[in-house]
Amino acid sequence: MFQNKQHSIALISVDGDPAIEIGKQESGGQNVYVREVGYALAQQGWQVDMFTRRSSPEQATISQHSHNCRTIRLKAGPSKFIGRDYLFHYLGKFVAEFQKFQQQQGFQYPIIHTNYWLSSWVGMELKKQQPLIQVHTYHSLGAIKYRSISNVPVIAVERLAVEKACLETVDRVIVTSPQEQKYMRTLVSTAGRTEMIPCGTDIDKFGKVDKATAREYLGIASDLKMVLYVGRFDQRKGIETLVRAIAKSQLRGKTNLQLVIAGGSRPGQSDGIERDRIAKIVAELGLKDNTMFPGRLDDTVLPYYYAAADVCVVPSHYEPFGLVAIEAMASRTPVVASNVGGLQFTVVPEVTGLLAPPKNQVAFAAAIDRILTNPEWGKHLGETGRQRVEIAFSWHSVASRLAQLYTSLLAKSTSVTQSKSPVAA
């Protein structure tokens, strides 16, 4: 049991296990965010418990990462993967199991940081049952997502209502970019309190290997023009736009051009179906010899791919922040990204990379070609990107700002509690 109550925090991520392999179905930036924030807070002296839902019978109930940081998996529904759109039914059980865990520990968390709308509902329910401070990070907004898809799920009405209630009632909502703040205020609610703290990246893991060393390690020719995508197989990630942009590249057929599409997938699942769809488009466009699917890249090899690339492309239809962009920038690799959401904040046009309209294959082709045909300029963009990440986007700096916010909220809460206490005669 943790001893320092004032510096103990629960990070709640019902649908995103912080210890899961990134690239698996429905795992990505949220998982990384919770894990890295948890690790960094623990290094700064906080006692950190990261709560998620148990999604496999093989998973350990508790994974101890350090003496003061662990992942705790609660049983809420069957111990198997369940898509986010089908988890709401099990959230009441998650709340009950969280309370049960607290009772077993003889301890109540004074502050929780919830992640994604499902966890925000859990946090708001917990707040009805015990005194606590709730901080929330959305990671994505239903109000934006549902504008870009044709088949809106049944859960949409519930999600939109929960996201609005969360913004208007929790102690603080973290916005990761000015663009996310704007969307939140125009599409969700003008009420509620927010604080802008960006996402981060591991500046020690990324950027420690140079391009020549990375290419030698991966067996990539020095004269190859390498375009890299890293992320999930999901139509909203815009991989099709990137593939069609490569087909339109002026360099195609004139140089050794290679597209690397990195990310894990499972046959028969939504990500596996999308991977098959992308592979079919690649074949139809005659790009099989120019395209490689290396699968999921773990932490031991991912930094080498980023460093080896001439340009990293983030063609998403929307991103509230865009972790891949700053991982690439940390690796001194220029970025071409969609001119949407937080990518407009992380990528500085003509300084750390280029922005293009989403779904616009012609614009992406032109932006990619600009960097590939100007290698010295691309190198300069990469160096500037590294400087930007070191200054603004390290996990240590993100955790420090979060810790300051937590401490301030706890101090105000204590002050209010003391002011309400009866004065002794």
Protein backbone atom coordinates (compact mmCIF):
# COMPACT_ATOMS: atom_id res chain seq x y z
CA MET A 1 0.00 0.00 0.00
CA PHE A 2 1.28 3.46 -0.87
CA GLN A 3 2.09 5.61 2.12
CA ASN A 4 2.14 9.14 0.70
CA LYS A 5 -1.53 9.85 0.05
CA GLN A 6 -1.01 13.39 -1.21
CA HIS A 7 1.39 12.18 -3.90
CA SER A 8 -0.55 9.11 -5.00
CA ILE A 9 -2.51 9.18 -8.25
CA ALA A 10 -4.65 6.79 -10.25
CA LEU A 11 -4.35 7.05 -14.03
CA ILE A 12 -7.48 5.43 -15.46
CA SER A 13 -7.53 4.14 -19.03
CA VAL A 14 -10.33 1.58 -19.26
CA ASP A 15 -9.82 0.73 -22.94
CA GLY A 16 -6.09 1.43 -23.28
CA ASP A 17 -3.72 -0.87 -21.39
CA PRO A 18 -0.52 1.14 -20.85
CA ALA A 19 1.58 -2.03 -20.87
CA ILE A 20 0.18 -3.51 -24.11
CA GLU A 21 2.22 -3.81 -27.30
CA ILE A 22 1.63 -0.70 -29.36
CA GLY A 23 0.22 -1.36 -32.82
CA LYS A 24 -2.27 -3.98 -31.73
CA GLN A 25 -5.96 -3.39 -32.36
CA GLU A 26 -7.15 -0.08 -30.88
CA SER A 27 -3.79 0.58 -29.23
CA GLY A 28 -1.81 3.67 -30.02
CA GLY A 29 -1.20 7.18 -28.73
CA GLN A 30 -3.48 6.87 -25.69
CA ASN A 31 -1.65 3.78 -24.43
CA VAL A 32 1.71 5.50 -24.91
CA TYR A 33 0.51 8.68 -23.20
CA VAL A 34 -0.74 6.92 -20.07
CA ARG A 35 2.32 4.70 -19.81
CA GLU A 36 4.91 7.41 -20.33
CA VAL A 37 3.15 9.94 -18.10
CA GLY A 38 2.92 7.23 -15.42
CA TYR A 39 6.60 6.34 -15.70
CA ALA A 40 7.70 10.00 -15.69
CA LEU A 41 5.51 10.89 -12.69
CA ALA A 42 6.93 7.91 -10.80
CA GLN A 43 10.47 9.09 -11.55
CA GLN A 44 9.50 12.46 -10.09
CA GLY A 45 8.41 10.84 -6.83
CA TRP A 46 4.69 10.18 -7.35
CA GLN A 47 3.09 6.89 -6.41
CA VAL A 48 1.37 5.85 -9.63
CA ASP A 49 -1.31 3.21 -10.25
CA MET A 50 -2.47 2.83 -13.86
CA PHE A 51 -5.88 1.16 -14.06
CA THR A 52 -7.21 -0.60 -17.16
CA ARG A 53 -9.62 -3.38 -18.07
CA ARG A 54 -8.39 -6.97 -18.18
CA SER A 55 -8.73 -8.02 -21.83
CA SER A 56 -7.12 -11.47 -21.75
CA PRO A 57 -7.06 -14.33 -19.20
CA GLU A 58 -3.27 -14.53 -19.67
CA GLN A 59 -2.73 -10.98 -18.42
CA ALA A 60 -1.39 -10.48 -14.92
CA THR A 61 -3.71 -8.67 -12.53
CA ILE A 62 -0.83 -6.40 -11.52
CA SER A 63 2.28 -5.55 -13.56
CA GLN A 64 4.93 -3.85 -11.42
CA HIS A 65 7.01 -1.43 -13.48
CA SER A 66 9.02 0.13 -10.65
CA HIS A 67 8.72 0.30 -6.88
CA ASN A 68 6.17 3.13 -7.18
CA CYS A 69 4.53 2.49 -10.56
CA ARG A 70 2.28 -0.38 -11.62
CA THR A 71 -0.51 -1.35 -14.02
CA ILE A 72 -3.63 -2.81 -12.38
CA ARG A 73 -6.14 -4.72 -14.53
CA LEU A 74 -9.72 -4.88 -13.28
CA LYS A 75 -12.23 -7.49 -14.41
CA ALA A 76 -15.07 -5.68 -16.15
CA GLY A 77 -16.87 -8.01 -18.49
CA PRO A 78 -15.32 -11.04 -20.19
CA SER A 79 -11.51 -11.20 -20.22
CA LYS A 80 -11.17 -10.70 -23.96
CA PHE A 81 -10.75 -7.85 -26.41
CA ILE A 82 -13.92 -5.77 -26.73
CA GLY A 83 -14.07 -2.81 -29.11
CA ARG A 84 -14.46 0.64 -27.58
CA ASP A 85 -17.94 1.08 -28.99
CA TYR A 86 -19.12 -1.93 -26.96
CA LEU A 87 -17.50 -1.28 -23.57
CA PHE A 88 -19.94 1.18 -22.03
CA HIS A 89 -22.13 -1.65 -20.69
CA TYR A 90 -19.24 -2.83 -18.48
CA LEU A 91 -18.21 0.50 -16.95
CA GLY A 92 -20.40 0.08 -13.85
CA LYS A 93 -18.51 -3.13 -13.09
CA PHE A 94 -15.21 -1.30 -13.57
CA VAL A 95 -16.29 1.31 -11.00
CA ALA A 96 -17.27 -1.44 -8.52
CA GLU A 97 -13.95 -3.24 -8.99
CA PHE A 98 -12.03 0.02 -8.52
CA GLN A 99 -13.87 0.63 -5.24
CA LYS A 100 -13.19 -2.95 -4.19
CA PHE A 101 -9.47 -2.47 -4.87
CA GLN A 102 -9.43 0.71 -2.78
CA GLN A 103 -11.15 -1.11 0.10
CA GLN A 104 -8.62 -3.93 -0.05
CA GLN A 105 -5.79 -1.39 0.06
CA GLY A 106 -7.43 0.59 2.86
CA PHE A 107 -6.85 3.71 0.81
CA GLN A 108 -8.71 6.21 -1.39
CA TYR A 109 -6.98 8.08 -4.20
CA PRO A 110 -7.20 11.85 -3.68
CA ILE A 111 -6.76 12.50 -7.42
CA ILE A 112 -7.44 10.58 -10.61
CA HIS A 113 -6.49 11.35 -14.21
CA THR A 114 -8.94 9.75 -16.64
CA ASN A 115 -8.26 9.10 -20.33
CA TYR A 116 -10.80 8.87 -23.19
CA TRP A 117 -14.55 9.31 -22.75
CA LEU A 118 -15.17 5.84 -21.28
CA SER A 119 -12.80 6.56 -18.41
CA SER A 120 -14.28 10.01 -17.90
CA TRP A 121 -17.64 8.34 -17.12
CA VAL A 122 -15.87 6.07 -14.60
CA GLY A 123 -14.23 9.09 -12.97
CA MET A 124 -17.46 11.07 -12.73
CA GLU A 125 -19.21 8.08 -11.14
CA LEU A 126 -16.39 7.65 -8.62
CA LYS A 127 -16.62 11.32 -7.77
CA LYS A 128 -20.25 10.81 -6.74
CA GLN A 129 -19.13 8.14 -4.27
CA GLN A 130 -16.03 9.66 -2.67
CA PRO A 131 -14.14 12.96 -2.42
CA LEU A 132 -11.57 13.18 -5.20
CA ILE A 133 -10.15 15.47 -7.86
CA GLN A 134 -10.64 14.47 -11.49
CA VAL A 135 -8.37 15.55 -14.34
CA HIS A 136 -9.23 14.32 -17.83
CA THR A 137 -7.58 13.97 -21.26
CA TYR A 138 -9.92 13.22 -24.18
CA HIS A 139 -7.44 11.80 -26.77
CA SER A 140 -10.23 12.12 -29.34
CA LEU A 141 -13.62 13.79 -29.54
CA GLY A 142 -16.79 12.09 -30.69
CA ALA A 143 -18.02 15.40 -32.10
CA ILE A 144 -15.15 15.29 -34.59
CA LYS A 145 -15.05 11.55 -35.22
CA TYR A 146 -18.73 11.25 -36.09
CA ARG A 147 -18.48 14.02 -38.68
CA SER A 148 -15.95 11.98 -40.67
CA ILE A 149 -17.61 8.54 -40.76
CA SER A 150 -20.74 7.34 -42.53
CA ASN A 151 -21.78 4.60 -40.10
CA VAL A 152 -22.26 6.35 -36.77
CA PRO A 153 -22.44 3.74 -33.94
CA VAL A 154 -25.38 3.43 -31.56
CA ILE A 155 -23.16 4.53 -28.66
CA ALA A 156 -22.65 7.98 -30.27
CA VAL A 157 -25.48 9.67 -28.37
CA GLU A 158 -24.14 8.41 -25.04
CA ARG A 159 -20.58 9.38 -25.88
CA LEU A 160 -21.46 12.94 -26.90
CA ALA A 161 -23.46 13.46 -23.69
CA VAL A 162 -20.66 12.09 -21.51
CA GLU A 163 -18.00 14.22 -23.21
CA LYS A 164 -20.10 17.34 -22.68
CA ALA A 165 -20.75 16.51 -19.01
CA CYS A 166 -17.05 15.80 -18.49
CA LEU A 167 -15.90 19.13 -19.93
CA GLU A 168 -18.45 21.04 -17.90
CA THR A 169 -17.97 19.32 -14.53
CA VAL A 170 -14.55 17.76 -13.89
CA ASP A 171 -11.87 19.71 -12.05
CA ARG A 172 -9.67 20.19 -15.10
CA VAL A 173 -9.58 19.02 -18.72
CA ILE A 174 -6.17 18.74 -20.36
CA VAL A 175 -6.02 20.05 -23.93
CA THR A 176 -2.93 19.01 -25.87
CA SER A 177 -2.97 21.76 -28.50
CA PRO A 178 -4.66 25.10 -29.27
CA GLN A 179 -6.55 23.33 -32.07
CA GLU A 180 -8.02 20.76 -29.68
CA GLN A 181 -9.07 23.61 -27.39
CA LYS A 182 -10.83 25.34 -30.29
CA TYR A 183 -12.71 22.19 -31.32
CA MET A 184 -13.67 21.51 -27.72
CA ARG A 185 -15.15 24.97 -27.26
CA THR A 186 -16.97 25.12 -30.61
CA LEU A 187 -18.24 21.52 -30.78
CA VAL A 188 -18.62 20.36 -27.16
CA SER A 189 -19.19 23.19 -24.66
CA THR A 190 -18.02 26.68 -23.73
CA ALA A 191 -18.23 25.76 -20.02
CA GLY A 192 -15.63 24.04 -17.88
CA ARG A 193 -11.97 24.57 -17.00
CA THR A 194 -9.09 23.55 -19.25
CA GLU A 195 -5.30 23.56 -19.12
CA MET A 196 -3.06 23.19 -22.17
CA ILE A 197 -0.31 20.61 -21.66
CA PRO A 198 0.99 18.88 -24.81
CA CYS A 199 1.80 15.21 -25.21
CA GLY A 200 5.43 14.15 -25.13
CA THR A 201 7.99 11.70 -26.42
CA ASP A 202 11.07 9.89 -25.16
CA ILE A 203 13.97 12.08 -26.26
CA ASP A 204 16.44 9.50 -24.96
CA LYS A 205 14.96 6.63 -26.98
CA PHE A 206 14.50 8.60 -30.20
CA GLY A 207 17.29 10.58 -31.85
CA LYS A 208 20.28 8.67 -30.48
CA VAL A 209 21.16 6.91 -33.76
CA ASP A 210 22.13 8.60 -37.05
CA LYS A 211 20.72 7.76 -40.47
CA ALA A 212 23.76 5.88 -41.77
CA THR A 213 23.93 3.65 -38.68
CA ALA A 214 20.19 3.03 -38.77
CA ARG A 215 20.25 2.04 -42.43
CA GLU A 216 23.19 -0.28 -41.95
CA TYR A 217 21.36 -1.92 -39.01
CA LEU A 218 18.17 -2.38 -41.06
CA GLY A 219 19.93 -3.36 -44.28
CA ILE A 220 18.61 -0.34 -46.21
CA ALA A 221 20.65 1.01 -49.13
CA SER A 222 22.18 4.46 -48.63
CA ASP A 223 20.73 5.80 -51.93
CA LEU A 224 17.15 4.68 -51.22
CA LYS A 225 14.47 7.36 -50.78
CA MET A 226 12.52 6.06 -47.77
CA VAL A 227 9.02 7.30 -46.90
CA LEU A 228 7.73 6.03 -43.54
CA TYR A 229 4.27 5.59 -42.03
CA VAL A 230 3.90 4.39 -38.43
CA GLY A 231 0.55 3.69 -36.81
CA ARG A 232 -2.62 1.66 -36.74
CA PHE A 233 -4.41 0.28 -39.77
CA ASP A 234 -7.54 2.40 -39.61
CA GLN A 235 -9.23 4.23 -42.49
CA ARG A 236 -9.15 7.47 -40.47
CA LYS A 237 -5.34 7.29 -40.43
CA GLY A 238 -5.32 8.13 -44.15
CA ILE A 239 -2.92 5.41 -45.32
CA GLU A 240 -4.74 5.21 -48.66
CA THR A 241 -3.97 8.89 -49.28
CA LEU A 242 -0.27 8.21 -48.68
CA VAL A 243 -0.19 5.19 -50.99
CA ARG A 244 -1.88 7.12 -53.79
CA ALA A 245 0.50 10.03 -53.20
CA ILE A 246 3.49 7.73 -53.69
CA ALA A 247 1.91 6.51 -56.92
CA LYS A 248 1.82 10.15 -58.10
CA SER A 249 5.37 11.00 -56.96
CA GLN A 250 7.57 12.55 -59.63
CA LEU A 251 10.39 10.40 -58.30
CA ARG A 252 8.60 7.13 -59.05
CA GLY A 253 10.60 5.23 -61.65
CA LYS A 254 13.44 7.75 -61.51
CA THR A 255 15.00 6.77 -58.19
CA ASN A 256 15.01 3.99 -55.62
CA LEU A 257 11.76 4.98 -53.87
CA GLN A 258 10.48 2.88 -50.96
CA LEU A 259 7.30 3.25 -48.89
CA VAL A 260 7.39 1.57 -45.48
CA ILE A 261 3.98 1.08 -43.84
CA ALA A 262 4.65 -0.03 -40.26
CA GLY A 263 1.95 -1.25 -37.90
CA GLY A 264 0.50 -4.45 -36.48
CA SER A 265 -2.75 -6.09 -37.57
CA ARG A 266 -4.83 -9.11 -36.77
CA PRO A 267 -6.43 -11.20 -39.55
CA GLY A 268 -10.20 -10.90 -39.56
CA GLN A 269 -10.27 -7.93 -37.19
CA SER A 270 -10.89 -4.33 -38.27
CA ASP A 271 -7.17 -3.53 -38.47
CA GLY A 272 -6.48 -6.71 -40.45
CA ILE A 273 -9.29 -5.88 -42.88
CA GLU A 274 -7.86 -2.38 -43.39
CA ARG A 275 -4.36 -3.77 -43.95
CA ASP A 276 -5.70 -6.11 -46.62
CA ARG A 277 -7.53 -3.21 -48.26
CA ILE A 278 -4.34 -1.12 -48.33
CA ALA A 279 -2.31 -4.04 -49.70
CA LYS A 280 -4.87 -4.44 -52.50
CA ILE A 281 -4.56 -0.73 -53.42
CA VAL A 282 -0.76 -1.06 -53.40
CA ALA A 283 -1.02 -3.96 -55.85
CA GLU A 284 -3.56 -2.18 -58.08
CA LEU A 285 -1.25 0.85 -58.36
CA GLY A 286 1.76 -1.31 -59.24
CA LEU A 287 3.60 -0.38 -56.04
CA LYS A 288 4.30 -3.86 -54.62
CA ASP A 289 8.03 -3.57 -55.39
CA ASN A 290 8.12 -0.11 -53.79
CA THR A 291 6.20 -0.95 -50.60
CA MET A 292 7.12 -2.86 -47.48
CA PHE A 293 4.90 -3.93 -44.56
CA PRO A 294 7.30 -4.73 -41.68
CA GLY A 295 4.45 -5.25 -39.19
CA ARG A 296 4.48 -3.95 -35.64
CA LEU A 297 7.77 -2.29 -34.69
CA ASP A 298 8.71 -2.72 -31.04
CA ASP A 299 10.73 -0.22 -29.02
CA THR A 300 14.03 -1.89 -29.91
CA VAL A 301 13.68 -1.34 -33.65
CA LEU A 302 11.27 1.61 -34.05
CA PRO A 303 13.96 4.29 -33.39
CA TYR A 304 16.03 2.82 -36.24
CA TYR A 305 13.15 3.09 -38.72
CA TYR A 306 12.48 6.70 -37.78
CA ALA A 307 16.17 7.57 -38.12
CA ALA A 308 16.52 5.73 -41.43
CA ALA A 309 13.59 7.50 -43.09
CA ASP A 310 13.98 10.53 -45.35
CA VAL A 311 10.48 11.67 -44.41
CA CYS A 312 7.78 10.46 -42.04
CA VAL A 313 4.18 10.96 -43.20
CA VAL A 314 1.16 11.38 -40.90
CA PRO A 315 -1.84 11.52 -43.30
CA SER A 316 -4.58 11.24 -40.67
CA HIS A 317 -8.05 12.64 -41.29
CA TYR A 318 -7.85 14.02 -37.75
CA GLU A 319 -5.41 13.90 -34.82
CA PRO A 320 -5.96 15.71 -31.50
CA PHE A 321 -2.17 15.76 -31.11
CA GLY A 322 -0.14 13.27 -33.20
CA LEU A 323 2.54 11.40 -31.24
CA VAL A 324 4.10 9.90 -34.36
CA ALA A 325 4.96 13.38 -35.62
CA ILE A 326 7.00 14.28 -32.55
CA GLU A 327 8.63 10.82 -32.41
CA ALA A 328 9.86 11.43 -35.95
CA MET A 329 10.93 14.98 -35.10
CA ALA A 330 12.81 13.68 -32.06
CA SER A 331 14.60 11.33 -34.48
CA ARG A 332 15.65 14.28 -36.69
CA THR A 333 13.33 13.18 -39.49
CA PRO A 334 11.19 15.79 -41.29
CA VAL A 335 7.42 15.29 -41.24
CA VAL A 336 4.67 15.68 -43.81
CA ALA A 337 1.32 15.70 -42.03
CA SER A 338 -2.32 16.52 -42.54
CA ASN A 339 -3.28 20.11 -41.82
CA VAL A 340 -5.70 19.04 -39.08
CA GLY A 341 -6.08 19.11 -35.30
CA GLY A 342 -2.98 19.05 -33.16
CA LEU A 343 -0.73 18.33 -36.15
CA GLN A 344 -1.05 22.05 -36.93
CA PHE A 345 0.57 22.65 -33.54
CA THR A 346 3.27 19.96 -33.48
CA VAL A 347 4.50 20.39 -37.07
CA VAL A 348 5.67 23.90 -37.98
CA PRO A 349 5.34 24.37 -41.78
CA GLU A 350 8.64 25.07 -43.55
CA VAL A 351 10.43 24.75 -40.19
CA THR A 352 10.08 21.13 -39.02
CA GLY A 353 8.16 19.75 -42.00
CA LEU A 354 5.18 20.42 -44.24
CA LEU A 355 1.39 20.28 -43.91
CA ALA A 356 -1.10 19.18 -46.57
CA PRO A 357 -4.91 19.02 -46.73
CA PRO A 358 -6.23 15.64 -45.51
CA LYS A 359 -7.28 13.13 -48.21
CA ASN A 360 -5.48 15.23 -50.85
CA GLN A 361 -3.10 12.79 -52.55
CA VAL A 362 -1.79 15.42 -54.99
CA ALA A 363 -0.81 17.81 -52.19
CA PHE A 364 0.84 15.00 -50.21
CA ALA A 365 2.78 13.87 -53.28
CA ALA A 366 4.08 17.41 -53.85
CA ALA A 367 5.08 17.86 -50.19
CA ILE A 368 6.87 14.50 -50.04
CA ASP A 369 8.70 15.22 -53.30
CA ARG A 370 9.84 18.63 -52.04
CA ILE A 371 11.65 17.04 -49.14
CA LEU A 372 12.99 14.02 -51.04
CA THR A 373 14.47 16.21 -53.80
CA ASN A 374 16.09 18.60 -51.30
CA PRO A 375 18.02 16.32 -48.89
CA GLU A 376 20.00 19.15 -47.28
CA TRP A 377 16.81 21.07 -46.56
CA GLY A 378 15.25 17.87 -45.23
CA LYS A 379 18.21 17.46 -42.89
CA HIS A 380 17.76 21.04 -41.69
CA LEU A 381 14.04 20.44 -41.05
CA GLY A 382 14.96 17.36 -39.04
CA GLU A 383 17.49 19.18 -36.87
CA THR A 384 15.00 21.97 -36.15
CA GLY A 385 12.37 19.38 -35.31
CA ARG A 386 14.69 17.78 -32.77
CA GLN A 387 15.30 21.15 -31.12
CA ARG A 388 11.55 21.80 -30.90
CA VAL A 389 10.90 18.44 -29.25
CA GLU A 390 13.72 18.86 -26.72
CA ILE A 391 12.31 22.22 -25.66
CA ALA A 392 8.59 21.48 -25.58
CA PHE A 393 7.74 17.80 -25.87
CA SER A 394 9.81 15.61 -23.56
CA TRP A 395 7.83 13.32 -21.23
CA HIS A 396 9.75 14.78 -18.31
CA SER A 397 8.50 18.29 -19.10
CA VAL A 398 4.94 17.03 -19.68
CA ALA A 399 4.94 15.15 -16.38
CA SER A 400 6.39 18.15 -14.56
CA ARG A 401 3.57 20.38 -15.80
CA LEU A 402 0.97 17.76 -14.91
CA ALA A 403 2.51 17.37 -11.45
CA GLN A 404 2.30 21.13 -10.90
CA LEU A 405 -1.37 21.03 -11.87
CA TYR A 406 -2.11 18.06 -9.60
CA THR A 407 -0.31 19.70 -6.68
CA SER A 408 -2.17 22.97 -7.19
CA LEU A 409 -5.56 21.23 -7.34
CA LEU A 410 -4.77 19.16 -4.24
CA ALA A 411 -3.68 22.26 -2.33
CA LYS A 412 -6.90 24.09 -3.25
CA SER A 413 -8.95 21.07 -2.26
CA THR A 414 -7.22 20.85 1.12
CA SER A 415 -7.70 24.57 1.69
CA VAL A 416 -11.43 24.34 0.91
CA THR A 417 -11.83 21.30 3.18
CA GLN A 418 -10.08 23.07 6.07
CA SER A 419 -12.16 26.22 5.62
CA LYS A 420 -15.32 24.14 5.91
CA SER A 421 -14.17 22.35 9.07
CA PRO A 422 -15.75 23.53 12.37
CA VAL A 423 -13.51 25.77 14.42
CA ALA A 424 -12.66 24.36 17.85
CA ALA A 425 -13.93 26.39 20.83
